[in-house]
Amino acid sequence: MYHALLGHKEAPEIVRPTEISYLSLIPSHINLTGAEVEMVNLIAREQKLEGILSKLADDYTYIILDCPPSLGLLTLNSLTAADSVLIPIQCEYYALEGLGKLLNTIRLIQRHLNKRLQIAGVLLTMFDSRLNLSRQVADEVRSYFGKKVYDTAITRNVRLAEAPGHGQPIVLYDIVSSGAQNYMSLAGEIIGHG
């Protein structure tokens, strides 16, 4: 992605196939951490990713952009390029603190850069029904977002934490784990809502 953002490679050159049929990815690069600094002086820097993805849009049903929790230039590019945003919220106290900033950023992007951007849904993650805090955060999120909160929650799961260390998505690492089942349920829910 780094090389495409800075104009060194075209979008089709950076797409890689995976072990999963119908799933391709664009890998990150260690230099991506410095891309924000390198992009500061570029014209239309907030729309670089949109230009890259527009060359791939006809080849894919869904393009999923995984962003860091920060609201830097790379996340801004992703929100500018996206049709919708799925907001993951960890069921922990501090997760709610950053939510207001994210929602303000989304509103600004809708107003100035991407009028089609919508909140597709809100996903509760690291949910543990045994913990009061998890239940309280979930209740607060549901009271604010209502039907935008997915029925599926991603529960705390050791296998989910292990999978990246083995270089595999959870559905290849341990398909019967609760984490894999949660994500497959979420995928069905997203596809069902179209």
N, C-alpha and C. Protein backbone atom coordinates (compact mmCIF):
# COMPACT_ATOMS: atom_id res chain seq x y z
N MET A 1 0.83 -1.18 0.00
CA MET A 1 0.00 0.00 0.00
C MET A 1 0.87 1.25 0.00
N TYR A 2 1.96 1.19 0.74
CA TYR A 2 2.87 2.34 0.83
C TYR A 2 3.29 2.81 -0.56
N HIS A 3 3.71 1.87 -1.41
CA HIS A 3 4.22 2.24 -2.74
C HIS A 3 3.12 2.82 -3.63
N ALA A 4 1.91 2.35 -3.47
CA ALA A 4 0.80 2.89 -4.26
C ALA A 4 0.41 4.29 -3.78
N LEU A 5 0.39 4.49 -2.46
CA LEU A 5 0.03 5.80 -1.92
C LEU A 5 0.98 6.90 -2.39
N LEU A 6 2.24 6.54 -2.54
CA LEU A 6 3.23 7.53 -2.96
C LEU A 6 3.45 7.54 -4.47
N GLY A 7 2.65 6.75 -5.20
CA GLY A 7 2.68 6.78 -6.66
C GLY A 7 3.77 5.96 -7.30
N HIS A 8 4.41 5.06 -6.55
CA HIS A 8 5.49 4.24 -7.10
C HIS A 8 4.97 2.99 -7.81
N LYS A 9 3.75 2.55 -7.47
CA LYS A 9 3.16 1.36 -8.09
C LYS A 9 1.69 1.59 -8.33
N GLU A 10 1.14 0.87 -9.31
CA GLU A 10 -0.30 0.94 -9.61
C GLU A 10 -1.04 -0.09 -8.74
N ALA A 11 -2.32 0.15 -8.53
CA ALA A 11 -3.13 -0.70 -7.66
C ALA A 11 -3.05 -2.19 -7.99
N PRO A 12 -3.24 -2.60 -9.25
CA PRO A 12 -3.22 -4.04 -9.54
C PRO A 12 -1.88 -4.71 -9.19
N GLU A 13 -0.80 -3.95 -9.18
CA GLU A 13 0.52 -4.51 -8.87
C GLU A 13 0.67 -4.90 -7.41
N ILE A 14 -0.12 -4.30 -6.53
CA ILE A 14 0.08 -4.54 -5.10
C ILE A 14 -0.91 -5.54 -4.50
N VAL A 15 -1.88 -5.99 -5.28
CA VAL A 15 -2.86 -6.96 -4.79
C VAL A 15 -2.23 -8.35 -4.75
N ARG A 16 -2.45 -9.07 -3.65
CA ARG A 16 -1.91 -10.42 -3.49
C ARG A 16 -3.04 -11.41 -3.23
N PRO A 17 -2.98 -12.61 -3.84
CA PRO A 17 -3.97 -13.64 -3.54
C PRO A 17 -3.71 -14.23 -2.15
N THR A 18 -4.71 -14.92 -1.60
CA THR A 18 -4.55 -15.59 -0.30
C THR A 18 -4.96 -17.05 -0.45
N GLU A 19 -4.84 -17.79 0.65
CA GLU A 19 -5.26 -19.20 0.66
C GLU A 19 -6.77 -19.35 0.57
N ILE A 20 -7.49 -18.27 0.84
CA ILE A 20 -8.95 -18.31 0.85
C ILE A 20 -9.47 -17.87 -0.52
N SER A 21 -10.29 -18.71 -1.13
CA SER A 21 -10.87 -18.37 -2.43
C SER A 21 -11.62 -17.05 -2.34
N TYR A 22 -11.54 -16.26 -3.38
CA TYR A 22 -12.25 -14.99 -3.49
C TYR A 22 -11.79 -13.94 -2.47
N LEU A 23 -10.62 -14.13 -1.89
CA LEU A 23 -10.09 -13.14 -0.94
C LEU A 23 -8.68 -12.76 -1.37
N SER A 24 -8.51 -11.50 -1.65
CA SER A 24 -7.18 -10.95 -1.96
C SER A 24 -6.87 -9.92 -0.90
N LEU A 25 -5.62 -9.53 -0.82
CA LEU A 25 -5.27 -8.47 0.11
C LEU A 25 -4.17 -7.60 -0.46
N ILE A 26 -4.08 -6.42 0.10
CA ILE A 26 -2.98 -5.51 -0.20
C ILE A 26 -2.18 -5.42 1.08
N PRO A 27 -0.97 -5.96 1.09
CA PRO A 27 -0.21 -5.99 2.33
C PRO A 27 0.29 -4.61 2.74
N SER A 28 0.48 -4.50 4.02
CA SER A 28 1.08 -3.29 4.56
C SER A 28 2.59 -3.37 4.34
N HIS A 29 3.29 -2.34 4.70
CA HIS A 29 4.74 -2.29 4.57
C HIS A 29 5.25 -1.50 5.76
N ILE A 30 6.41 -1.86 6.25
CA ILE A 30 6.97 -1.17 7.41
C ILE A 30 7.07 0.34 7.17
N ASN A 31 7.29 0.75 5.93
CA ASN A 31 7.40 2.18 5.61
C ASN A 31 6.06 2.91 5.68
N LEU A 32 4.96 2.17 5.78
CA LEU A 32 3.65 2.81 5.84
C LEU A 32 3.54 3.71 7.07
N THR A 33 4.29 3.38 8.12
CA THR A 33 4.26 4.20 9.33
C THR A 33 4.76 5.62 9.04
N GLY A 34 5.66 5.76 8.10
CA GLY A 34 6.18 7.08 7.75
C GLY A 34 5.45 7.74 6.59
N ALA A 35 4.49 7.05 6.02
CA ALA A 35 3.79 7.58 4.84
C ALA A 35 3.05 8.88 5.14
N GLU A 36 2.50 8.99 6.34
CA GLU A 36 1.76 10.21 6.67
C GLU A 36 2.66 11.44 6.56
N VAL A 37 3.88 11.31 7.02
CA VAL A 37 4.83 12.43 6.94
C VAL A 37 5.17 12.72 5.49
N GLU A 38 5.37 11.68 4.70
CA GLU A 38 5.73 11.85 3.29
C GLU A 38 4.56 12.41 2.47
N MET A 39 3.33 12.20 2.92
CA MET A 39 2.16 12.64 2.17
C MET A 39 1.71 14.07 2.51
N VAL A 40 2.27 14.64 3.56
CA VAL A 40 1.81 15.94 4.05
C VAL A 40 1.78 17.01 2.97
N ASN A 41 2.76 17.05 2.10
CA ASN A 41 2.83 18.10 1.08
C ASN A 41 2.20 17.73 -0.25
N LEU A 42 1.60 16.55 -0.34
CA LEU A 42 0.99 16.12 -1.60
C LEU A 42 -0.34 16.83 -1.83
N ILE A 43 -0.63 17.12 -3.06
CA ILE A 43 -1.92 17.70 -3.43
C ILE A 43 -2.99 16.61 -3.30
N ALA A 44 -4.14 16.97 -2.76
CA ALA A 44 -5.27 16.04 -2.55
C ALA A 44 -4.84 14.82 -1.74
N ARG A 45 -4.02 15.04 -0.74
CA ARG A 45 -3.47 13.93 0.06
C ARG A 45 -4.55 13.09 0.74
N GLU A 46 -5.71 13.69 1.03
CA GLU A 46 -6.80 12.94 1.68
C GLU A 46 -7.49 11.98 0.71
N GLN A 47 -7.22 12.11 -0.58
CA GLN A 47 -7.93 11.32 -1.58
C GLN A 47 -7.02 10.35 -2.35
N LYS A 48 -5.81 10.14 -1.87
CA LYS A 48 -4.88 9.23 -2.55
C LYS A 48 -5.42 7.80 -2.58
N LEU A 49 -5.91 7.33 -1.46
CA LEU A 49 -6.41 5.96 -1.39
C LEU A 49 -7.65 5.78 -2.27
N GLU A 50 -8.49 6.78 -2.32
CA GLU A 50 -9.69 6.72 -3.17
C GLU A 50 -9.30 6.50 -4.63
N GLY A 51 -8.26 7.17 -5.08
CA GLY A 51 -7.79 6.99 -6.45
C GLY A 51 -7.25 5.60 -6.70
N ILE A 52 -6.55 5.06 -5.73
CA ILE A 52 -6.00 3.70 -5.85
C ILE A 52 -7.13 2.67 -5.92
N LEU A 53 -8.08 2.78 -5.01
CA LEU A 53 -9.16 1.79 -4.93
C LEU A 53 -10.14 1.89 -6.09
N SER A 54 -10.27 3.06 -6.67
CA SER A 54 -11.20 3.21 -7.80
C SER A 54 -10.76 2.33 -8.98
N LYS A 55 -9.48 2.03 -9.06
CA LYS A 55 -8.97 1.17 -10.13
C LYS A 55 -9.23 -0.31 -9.86
N LEU A 56 -9.67 -0.62 -8.64
CA LEU A 56 -9.93 -2.02 -8.27
C LEU A 56 -11.42 -2.30 -8.05
N ALA A 57 -12.22 -1.27 -7.95
CA ALA A 57 -13.62 -1.41 -7.53
C ALA A 57 -14.43 -2.39 -8.38
N ASP A 58 -14.21 -2.42 -9.68
CA ASP A 58 -14.99 -3.30 -10.55
C ASP A 58 -14.64 -4.77 -10.38
N ASP A 59 -13.50 -5.06 -9.75
CA ASP A 59 -13.05 -6.44 -9.61
C ASP A 59 -13.49 -7.10 -8.30
N TYR A 60 -14.08 -6.33 -7.39
CA TYR A 60 -14.40 -6.85 -6.06
C TYR A 60 -15.81 -6.45 -5.64
N THR A 61 -16.47 -7.36 -4.92
CA THR A 61 -17.79 -7.07 -4.36
C THR A 61 -17.65 -6.19 -3.12
N TYR A 62 -16.68 -6.52 -2.28
CA TYR A 62 -16.39 -5.75 -1.07
C TYR A 62 -14.91 -5.43 -1.04
N ILE A 63 -14.59 -4.23 -0.61
CA ILE A 63 -13.21 -3.86 -0.30
C ILE A 63 -13.23 -3.40 1.15
N ILE A 64 -12.48 -4.10 1.98
CA ILE A 64 -12.46 -3.80 3.41
C ILE A 64 -11.14 -3.13 3.74
N LEU A 65 -11.21 -1.99 4.39
CA LEU A 65 -10.03 -1.24 4.80
C LEU A 65 -9.89 -1.36 6.31
N ASP A 66 -8.79 -1.91 6.76
CA ASP A 66 -8.54 -2.08 8.19
C ASP A 66 -7.66 -0.92 8.64
N CYS A 67 -8.18 -0.11 9.53
CA CYS A 67 -7.48 1.11 9.94
C CYS A 67 -7.01 1.02 11.39
N PRO A 68 -5.94 1.75 11.70
CA PRO A 68 -5.52 1.84 13.10
C PRO A 68 -6.53 2.70 13.87
N PRO A 69 -6.51 2.62 15.19
CA PRO A 69 -7.46 3.41 15.97
C PRO A 69 -7.17 4.91 15.98
N SER A 70 -6.05 5.31 15.41
CA SER A 70 -5.73 6.74 15.37
C SER A 70 -6.51 7.43 14.25
N LEU A 71 -6.60 8.75 14.33
CA LEU A 71 -7.33 9.50 13.31
C LEU A 71 -6.35 10.31 12.47
N GLY A 72 -5.29 9.67 12.02
CA GLY A 72 -4.29 10.33 11.20
C GLY A 72 -4.68 10.36 9.72
N LEU A 73 -3.72 10.75 8.90
CA LEU A 73 -3.95 10.93 7.47
C LEU A 73 -4.33 9.62 6.77
N LEU A 74 -3.80 8.50 7.22
CA LEU A 74 -4.15 7.22 6.58
C LEU A 74 -5.60 6.83 6.87
N THR A 75 -6.05 7.05 8.10
CA THR A 75 -7.45 6.78 8.43
C THR A 75 -8.35 7.76 7.69
N LEU A 76 -7.94 9.00 7.60
CA LEU A 76 -8.69 10.01 6.85
C LEU A 76 -8.84 9.59 5.39
N ASN A 77 -7.77 9.06 4.80
CA ASN A 77 -7.82 8.55 3.42
C ASN A 77 -8.83 7.41 3.31
N SER A 78 -8.82 6.52 4.28
CA SER A 78 -9.74 5.38 4.25
C SER A 78 -11.19 5.83 4.33
N LEU A 79 -11.47 6.78 5.21
CA LEU A 79 -12.84 7.27 5.35
C LEU A 79 -13.28 8.07 4.12
N THR A 80 -12.34 8.72 3.48
CA THR A 80 -12.66 9.46 2.26
C THR A 80 -12.95 8.50 1.10
N ALA A 81 -12.30 7.35 1.09
CA ALA A 81 -12.47 6.38 0.01
C ALA A 81 -13.67 5.46 0.22
N ALA A 82 -14.13 5.33 1.45
CA ALA A 82 -15.14 4.32 1.80
C ALA A 82 -16.57 4.77 1.51
N ASP A 83 -17.43 3.78 1.27
CA ASP A 83 -18.87 4.02 1.18
C ASP A 83 -19.49 3.97 2.57
N SER A 84 -18.91 3.11 3.41
CA SER A 84 -19.46 2.96 4.76
C SER A 84 -18.33 2.61 5.72
N VAL A 85 -18.63 2.78 7.00
CA VAL A 85 -17.65 2.49 8.04
C VAL A 85 -18.29 1.58 9.08
N LEU A 86 -17.55 0.55 9.45
CA LEU A 86 -17.93 -0.33 10.54
C LEU A 86 -17.07 0.10 11.72
N ILE A 87 -17.70 0.47 12.81
CA ILE A 87 -16.97 0.97 13.97
C ILE A 87 -16.85 -0.15 15.00
N PRO A 88 -15.62 -0.68 15.21
CA PRO A 88 -15.44 -1.66 16.27
C PRO A 88 -15.21 -0.92 17.59
N ILE A 89 -15.86 -1.38 18.63
CA ILE A 89 -15.69 -0.77 19.95
C ILE A 89 -15.37 -1.87 20.95
N GLN A 90 -14.18 -1.77 21.56
CA GLN A 90 -13.83 -2.72 22.60
C GLN A 90 -14.73 -2.46 23.81
N CYS A 91 -15.16 -3.50 24.43
CA CYS A 91 -16.05 -3.36 25.59
C CYS A 91 -15.22 -3.05 26.84
N GLU A 92 -14.53 -1.92 26.77
CA GLU A 92 -13.69 -1.43 27.85
C GLU A 92 -13.94 0.06 28.02
N TYR A 93 -13.66 0.57 29.20
CA TYR A 93 -14.00 1.94 29.55
C TYR A 93 -13.44 2.97 28.58
N TYR A 94 -12.15 2.92 28.30
CA TYR A 94 -11.51 3.97 27.49
C TYR A 94 -11.94 3.95 26.03
N ALA A 95 -12.51 2.87 25.58
CA ALA A 95 -12.95 2.79 24.18
C ALA A 95 -14.02 3.84 23.89
N LEU A 96 -14.85 4.15 24.85
CA LEU A 96 -15.92 5.12 24.65
C LEU A 96 -15.38 6.55 24.54
N GLU A 97 -14.22 6.79 25.17
CA GLU A 97 -13.63 8.13 25.14
C GLU A 97 -13.30 8.58 23.73
N GLY A 98 -12.69 7.72 22.94
CA GLY A 98 -12.30 8.09 21.58
C GLY A 98 -13.44 8.09 20.58
N LEU A 99 -14.56 7.54 20.97
CA LEU A 99 -15.69 7.41 20.05
C LEU A 99 -16.23 8.77 19.61
N GLY A 100 -16.29 9.72 20.52
CA GLY A 100 -16.77 11.06 20.18
C GLY A 100 -15.92 11.72 19.11
N LYS A 101 -14.60 11.58 19.23
CA LYS A 101 -13.69 12.15 18.23
C LYS A 101 -13.90 11.50 16.87
N LEU A 102 -14.06 10.18 16.88
CA LEU A 102 -14.28 9.46 15.63
C LEU A 102 -15.58 9.93 14.97
N LEU A 103 -16.64 10.05 15.73
CA LEU A 103 -17.93 10.48 15.17
C LEU A 103 -17.84 11.90 14.62
N ASN A 104 -17.12 12.78 15.31
CA ASN A 104 -16.92 14.14 14.79
C ASN A 104 -16.13 14.12 13.49
N THR A 105 -15.10 13.27 13.43
CA THR A 105 -14.31 13.14 12.20
C THR A 105 -15.18 12.63 11.06
N ILE A 106 -16.02 11.64 11.32
CA ILE A 106 -16.91 11.11 10.29
C ILE A 106 -17.84 12.21 9.78
N ARG A 107 -18.39 13.00 10.69
CA ARG A 107 -19.28 14.10 10.28
C ARG A 107 -18.55 15.11 9.40
N LEU A 108 -17.32 15.45 9.77
CA LEU A 108 -16.53 16.40 8.97
C LEU A 108 -16.24 15.84 7.58
N ILE A 109 -15.90 14.56 7.52
CA ILE A 109 -15.62 13.93 6.23
C ILE A 109 -16.89 13.89 5.38
N GLN A 110 -18.01 13.57 6.00
CA GLN A 110 -19.28 13.56 5.26
C GLN A 110 -19.59 14.95 4.70
N ARG A 111 -19.28 15.96 5.45
CA ARG A 111 -19.60 17.33 5.04
C ARG A 111 -18.65 17.85 3.95
N HIS A 112 -17.36 17.49 4.04
CA HIS A 112 -16.36 18.13 3.17
C HIS A 112 -15.69 17.23 2.14
N LEU A 113 -15.59 15.93 2.40
CA LEU A 113 -14.80 15.08 1.51
C LEU A 113 -15.56 13.90 0.91
N ASN A 114 -16.56 13.38 1.61
CA ASN A 114 -17.20 12.14 1.17
C ASN A 114 -18.66 12.11 1.63
N LYS A 115 -19.52 12.68 0.84
CA LYS A 115 -20.94 12.77 1.21
C LYS A 115 -21.63 11.41 1.27
N ARG A 116 -21.09 10.40 0.61
CA ARG A 116 -21.74 9.08 0.59
C ARG A 116 -21.37 8.22 1.82
N LEU A 117 -20.42 8.66 2.63
CA LEU A 117 -19.98 7.87 3.79
C LEU A 117 -21.11 7.71 4.81
N GLN A 118 -21.38 6.46 5.16
CA GLN A 118 -22.43 6.13 6.13
C GLN A 118 -21.84 5.22 7.20
N ILE A 119 -22.43 5.23 8.37
CA ILE A 119 -22.05 4.26 9.40
C ILE A 119 -22.86 3.00 9.12
N ALA A 120 -22.17 1.95 8.69
CA ALA A 120 -22.84 0.68 8.38
C ALA A 120 -23.28 -0.03 9.64
N GLY A 121 -22.46 0.06 10.66
CA GLY A 121 -22.79 -0.61 11.90
C GLY A 121 -21.70 -0.44 12.93
N VAL A 122 -22.03 -0.86 14.14
CA VAL A 122 -21.11 -0.78 15.27
C VAL A 122 -20.93 -2.20 15.79
N LEU A 123 -19.68 -2.60 15.96
CA LEU A 123 -19.34 -3.95 16.38
C LEU A 123 -18.73 -3.94 17.77
N LEU A 124 -19.34 -4.67 18.68
CA LEU A 124 -18.78 -4.82 20.02
C LEU A 124 -17.70 -5.89 19.98
N THR A 125 -16.50 -5.56 20.46
CA THR A 125 -15.39 -6.51 20.45
C THR A 125 -14.87 -6.71 21.87
N MET A 126 -14.12 -7.78 22.04
CA MET A 126 -13.55 -8.14 23.34
C MET A 126 -14.65 -8.20 24.41
N PHE A 127 -15.81 -8.66 23.98
CA PHE A 127 -16.97 -8.74 24.88
C PHE A 127 -16.85 -9.97 25.77
N ASP A 128 -17.10 -9.78 27.06
CA ASP A 128 -17.12 -10.89 28.02
C ASP A 128 -18.36 -10.71 28.88
N SER A 129 -19.35 -11.54 28.64
CA SER A 129 -20.64 -11.39 29.32
C SER A 129 -20.53 -11.57 30.83
N ARG A 130 -19.43 -12.13 31.32
CA ARG A 130 -19.25 -12.32 32.76
C ARG A 130 -18.84 -11.03 33.46
N LEU A 131 -18.38 -10.04 32.67
CA LEU A 131 -17.88 -8.80 33.27
C LEU A 131 -18.93 -7.69 33.23
N ASN A 132 -19.15 -7.06 34.38
CA ASN A 132 -20.09 -5.93 34.44
C ASN A 132 -19.70 -4.84 33.46
N LEU A 133 -18.40 -4.54 33.37
CA LEU A 133 -17.95 -3.46 32.48
C LEU A 133 -18.32 -3.75 31.03
N SER A 134 -18.11 -4.98 30.58
CA SER A 134 -18.48 -5.34 29.21
C SER A 134 -19.97 -5.11 28.97
N ARG A 135 -20.78 -5.56 29.90
CA ARG A 135 -22.23 -5.39 29.75
C ARG A 135 -22.63 -3.92 29.79
N GLN A 136 -21.99 -3.13 30.65
CA GLN A 136 -22.31 -1.70 30.75
C GLN A 136 -21.94 -0.97 29.47
N VAL A 137 -20.74 -1.25 28.94
CA VAL A 137 -20.32 -0.62 27.69
C VAL A 137 -21.27 -1.02 26.56
N ALA A 138 -21.60 -2.30 26.48
CA ALA A 138 -22.52 -2.77 25.44
C ALA A 138 -23.87 -2.07 25.55
N ASP A 139 -24.38 -1.94 26.76
CA ASP A 139 -25.67 -1.27 26.96
C ASP A 139 -25.60 0.20 26.54
N GLU A 140 -24.50 0.87 26.90
CA GLU A 140 -24.35 2.28 26.54
C GLU A 140 -24.25 2.46 25.02
N VAL A 141 -23.49 1.59 24.37
CA VAL A 141 -23.35 1.65 22.91
C VAL A 141 -24.70 1.39 22.25
N ARG A 142 -25.42 0.40 22.72
CA ARG A 142 -26.75 0.09 22.15
C ARG A 142 -27.74 1.23 22.36
N SER A 143 -27.67 1.89 23.52
CA SER A 143 -28.61 2.98 23.76
C SER A 143 -28.32 4.17 22.85
N TYR A 144 -27.05 4.37 22.48
CA TYR A 144 -26.69 5.49 21.61
C TYR A 144 -26.94 5.17 20.13
N PHE A 145 -26.49 3.98 19.70
CA PHE A 145 -26.54 3.63 18.27
C PHE A 145 -27.78 2.83 17.87
N GLY A 146 -28.49 2.27 18.81
CA GLY A 146 -29.71 1.53 18.50
C GLY A 146 -29.48 0.37 17.55
N LYS A 147 -30.24 0.34 16.46
CA LYS A 147 -30.20 -0.77 15.50
C LYS A 147 -28.90 -0.83 14.70
N LYS A 148 -28.06 0.19 14.82
CA LYS A 148 -26.77 0.17 14.12
C LYS A 148 -25.79 -0.82 14.75
N VAL A 149 -26.06 -1.25 15.99
CA VAL A 149 -25.17 -2.19 16.66
C VAL A 149 -25.48 -3.60 16.15
N TYR A 150 -24.46 -4.28 15.65
CA TYR A 150 -24.65 -5.64 15.15
C TYR A 150 -25.08 -6.56 16.29
N ASP A 151 -25.91 -7.54 15.95
CA ASP A 151 -26.32 -8.55 16.94
C ASP A 151 -25.12 -9.38 17.37
N THR A 152 -24.21 -9.62 16.43
CA THR A 152 -23.01 -10.39 16.71
C THR A 152 -22.02 -9.53 17.48
N ALA A 153 -21.47 -10.09 18.55
CA ALA A 153 -20.38 -9.44 19.28
C ALA A 153 -19.18 -10.38 19.19
N ILE A 154 -18.00 -9.81 19.11
CA ILE A 154 -16.78 -10.62 19.08
C ILE A 154 -16.34 -10.82 20.53
N THR A 155 -16.42 -12.05 21.00
CA THR A 155 -16.09 -12.34 22.39
C THR A 155 -14.58 -12.47 22.57
N ARG A 156 -14.15 -12.29 23.81
CA ARG A 156 -12.73 -12.51 24.12
C ARG A 156 -12.42 -13.98 23.83
N ASN A 157 -11.29 -14.21 23.16
CA ASN A 157 -10.98 -15.57 22.75
C ASN A 157 -9.48 -15.70 22.54
N VAL A 158 -8.87 -16.65 23.22
CA VAL A 158 -7.42 -16.85 23.13
C VAL A 158 -7.01 -17.20 21.71
N ARG A 159 -7.80 -17.99 21.01
CA ARG A 159 -7.44 -18.40 19.65
C ARG A 159 -7.37 -17.20 18.71
N LEU A 160 -8.23 -16.20 18.92
CA LEU A 160 -8.17 -14.97 18.12
C LEU A 160 -6.84 -14.26 18.33
N ALA A 161 -6.37 -14.24 19.57
CA ALA A 161 -5.10 -13.59 19.88
C ALA A 161 -3.92 -14.36 19.29
N GLU A 162 -4.03 -15.66 19.20
CA GLU A 162 -2.94 -16.50 18.70
C GLU A 162 -2.80 -16.47 17.18
N ALA A 163 -3.90 -16.37 16.47
CA ALA A 163 -3.91 -16.52 15.01
C ALA A 163 -2.92 -15.60 14.29
N PRO A 164 -2.85 -14.30 14.59
CA PRO A 164 -1.90 -13.44 13.87
C PRO A 164 -0.44 -13.88 14.05
N GLY A 165 -0.12 -14.41 15.23
CA GLY A 165 1.23 -14.90 15.48
C GLY A 165 1.61 -16.08 14.60
N HIS A 166 0.61 -16.76 14.08
CA HIS A 166 0.83 -17.88 13.17
C HIS A 166 0.63 -17.47 11.71
N GLY A 167 0.41 -16.18 11.50
CA GLY A 167 0.26 -15.67 10.14
C GLY A 167 -0.99 -16.14 9.43
N GLN A 168 -2.04 -16.43 10.20
CA GLN A 168 -3.27 -16.95 9.60
C GLN A 168 -4.48 -16.19 10.12
N PRO A 169 -5.50 -16.07 9.27
CA PRO A 169 -6.77 -15.56 9.79
C PRO A 169 -7.40 -16.63 10.67
N ILE A 170 -8.26 -16.23 11.56
CA ILE A 170 -8.86 -17.16 12.51
C ILE A 170 -9.61 -18.30 11.82
N VAL A 171 -10.20 -18.06 10.66
CA VAL A 171 -10.97 -19.12 9.99
C VAL A 171 -10.07 -20.21 9.43
N LEU A 172 -8.79 -19.95 9.27
CA LEU A 172 -7.84 -21.00 8.88
C LEU A 172 -7.14 -21.58 10.11
N TYR A 173 -6.88 -20.75 11.08
CA TYR A 173 -6.16 -21.18 12.28
C TYR A 173 -7.00 -22.11 13.14
N ASP A 174 -8.25 -21.75 13.39
CA ASP A 174 -9.12 -22.59 14.22
C ASP A 174 -10.58 -22.25 13.92
N ILE A 175 -11.12 -22.87 12.90
CA ILE A 175 -12.47 -22.53 12.43
C ILE A 175 -13.56 -22.86 13.45
N VAL A 176 -13.29 -23.78 14.38
CA VAL A 176 -14.32 -24.13 15.36
C VAL A 176 -14.25 -23.26 16.61
N SER A 177 -13.27 -22.37 16.70
CA SER A 177 -13.16 -21.50 17.88
C SER A 177 -14.33 -20.53 17.92
N SER A 178 -14.62 -20.03 19.11
CA SER A 178 -15.72 -19.07 19.23
C SER A 178 -15.40 -17.79 18.46
N GLY A 179 -14.13 -17.41 18.39
CA GLY A 179 -13.75 -16.22 17.62
C GLY A 179 -14.06 -16.37 16.14
N ALA A 180 -13.73 -17.52 15.57
CA ALA A 180 -14.03 -17.77 14.15
C ALA A 180 -15.54 -17.79 13.93
N GLN A 181 -16.25 -18.42 14.84
CA GLN A 181 -17.71 -18.48 14.72
C GLN A 181 -18.32 -17.08 14.82
N ASN A 182 -17.77 -16.25 15.71
CA ASN A 182 -18.24 -14.85 15.82
C ASN A 182 -18.06 -14.11 14.51
N TYR A 183 -16.87 -14.22 13.92
CA TYR A 183 -16.59 -13.48 12.68
C TYR A 183 -17.41 -14.00 11.50
N MET A 184 -17.65 -15.31 11.45
CA MET A 184 -18.49 -15.84 10.38
C MET A 184 -19.94 -15.37 10.55
N SER A 185 -20.39 -15.30 11.79
CA SER A 185 -21.73 -14.78 12.06
C SER A 185 -21.83 -13.31 11.66
N LEU A 186 -20.79 -12.54 11.97
CA LEU A 186 -20.76 -11.13 11.59
C LEU A 186 -20.80 -10.98 10.07
N ALA A 187 -20.01 -11.79 9.36
CA ALA A 187 -20.01 -11.72 7.89
C ALA A 187 -21.40 -11.98 7.34
N GLY A 188 -22.08 -12.98 7.88
CA GLY A 188 -23.44 -13.27 7.44
C GLY A 188 -24.39 -12.12 7.72
N GLU A 189 -24.20 -11.50 8.87
CA GLU A 189 -25.05 -10.36 9.24
C GLU A 189 -24.82 -9.17 8.30
N ILE A 190 -23.56 -8.90 7.99
CA ILE A 190 -23.23 -7.79 7.09
C ILE A 190 -23.79 -8.04 5.69
N ILE A 191 -23.57 -9.25 5.17
CA ILE A 191 -24.06 -9.58 3.84
C ILE A 191 -25.59 -9.54 3.81
N GLY A 192 -26.21 -9.99 4.89
CA GLY A 192 -27.66 -9.98 4.97
C GLY A 192 -28.27 -8.59 4.97
N HIS A 193 -27.51 -7.62 5.48
CA HIS A 193 -28.00 -6.24 5.48
C HIS A 193 -27.64 -5.50 4.21
N GLY A 194 -26.84 -6.16 3.35
CA GLY A 194 -26.52 -5.66 2.03
C GLY A 194 -25.81 -4.39 1.98
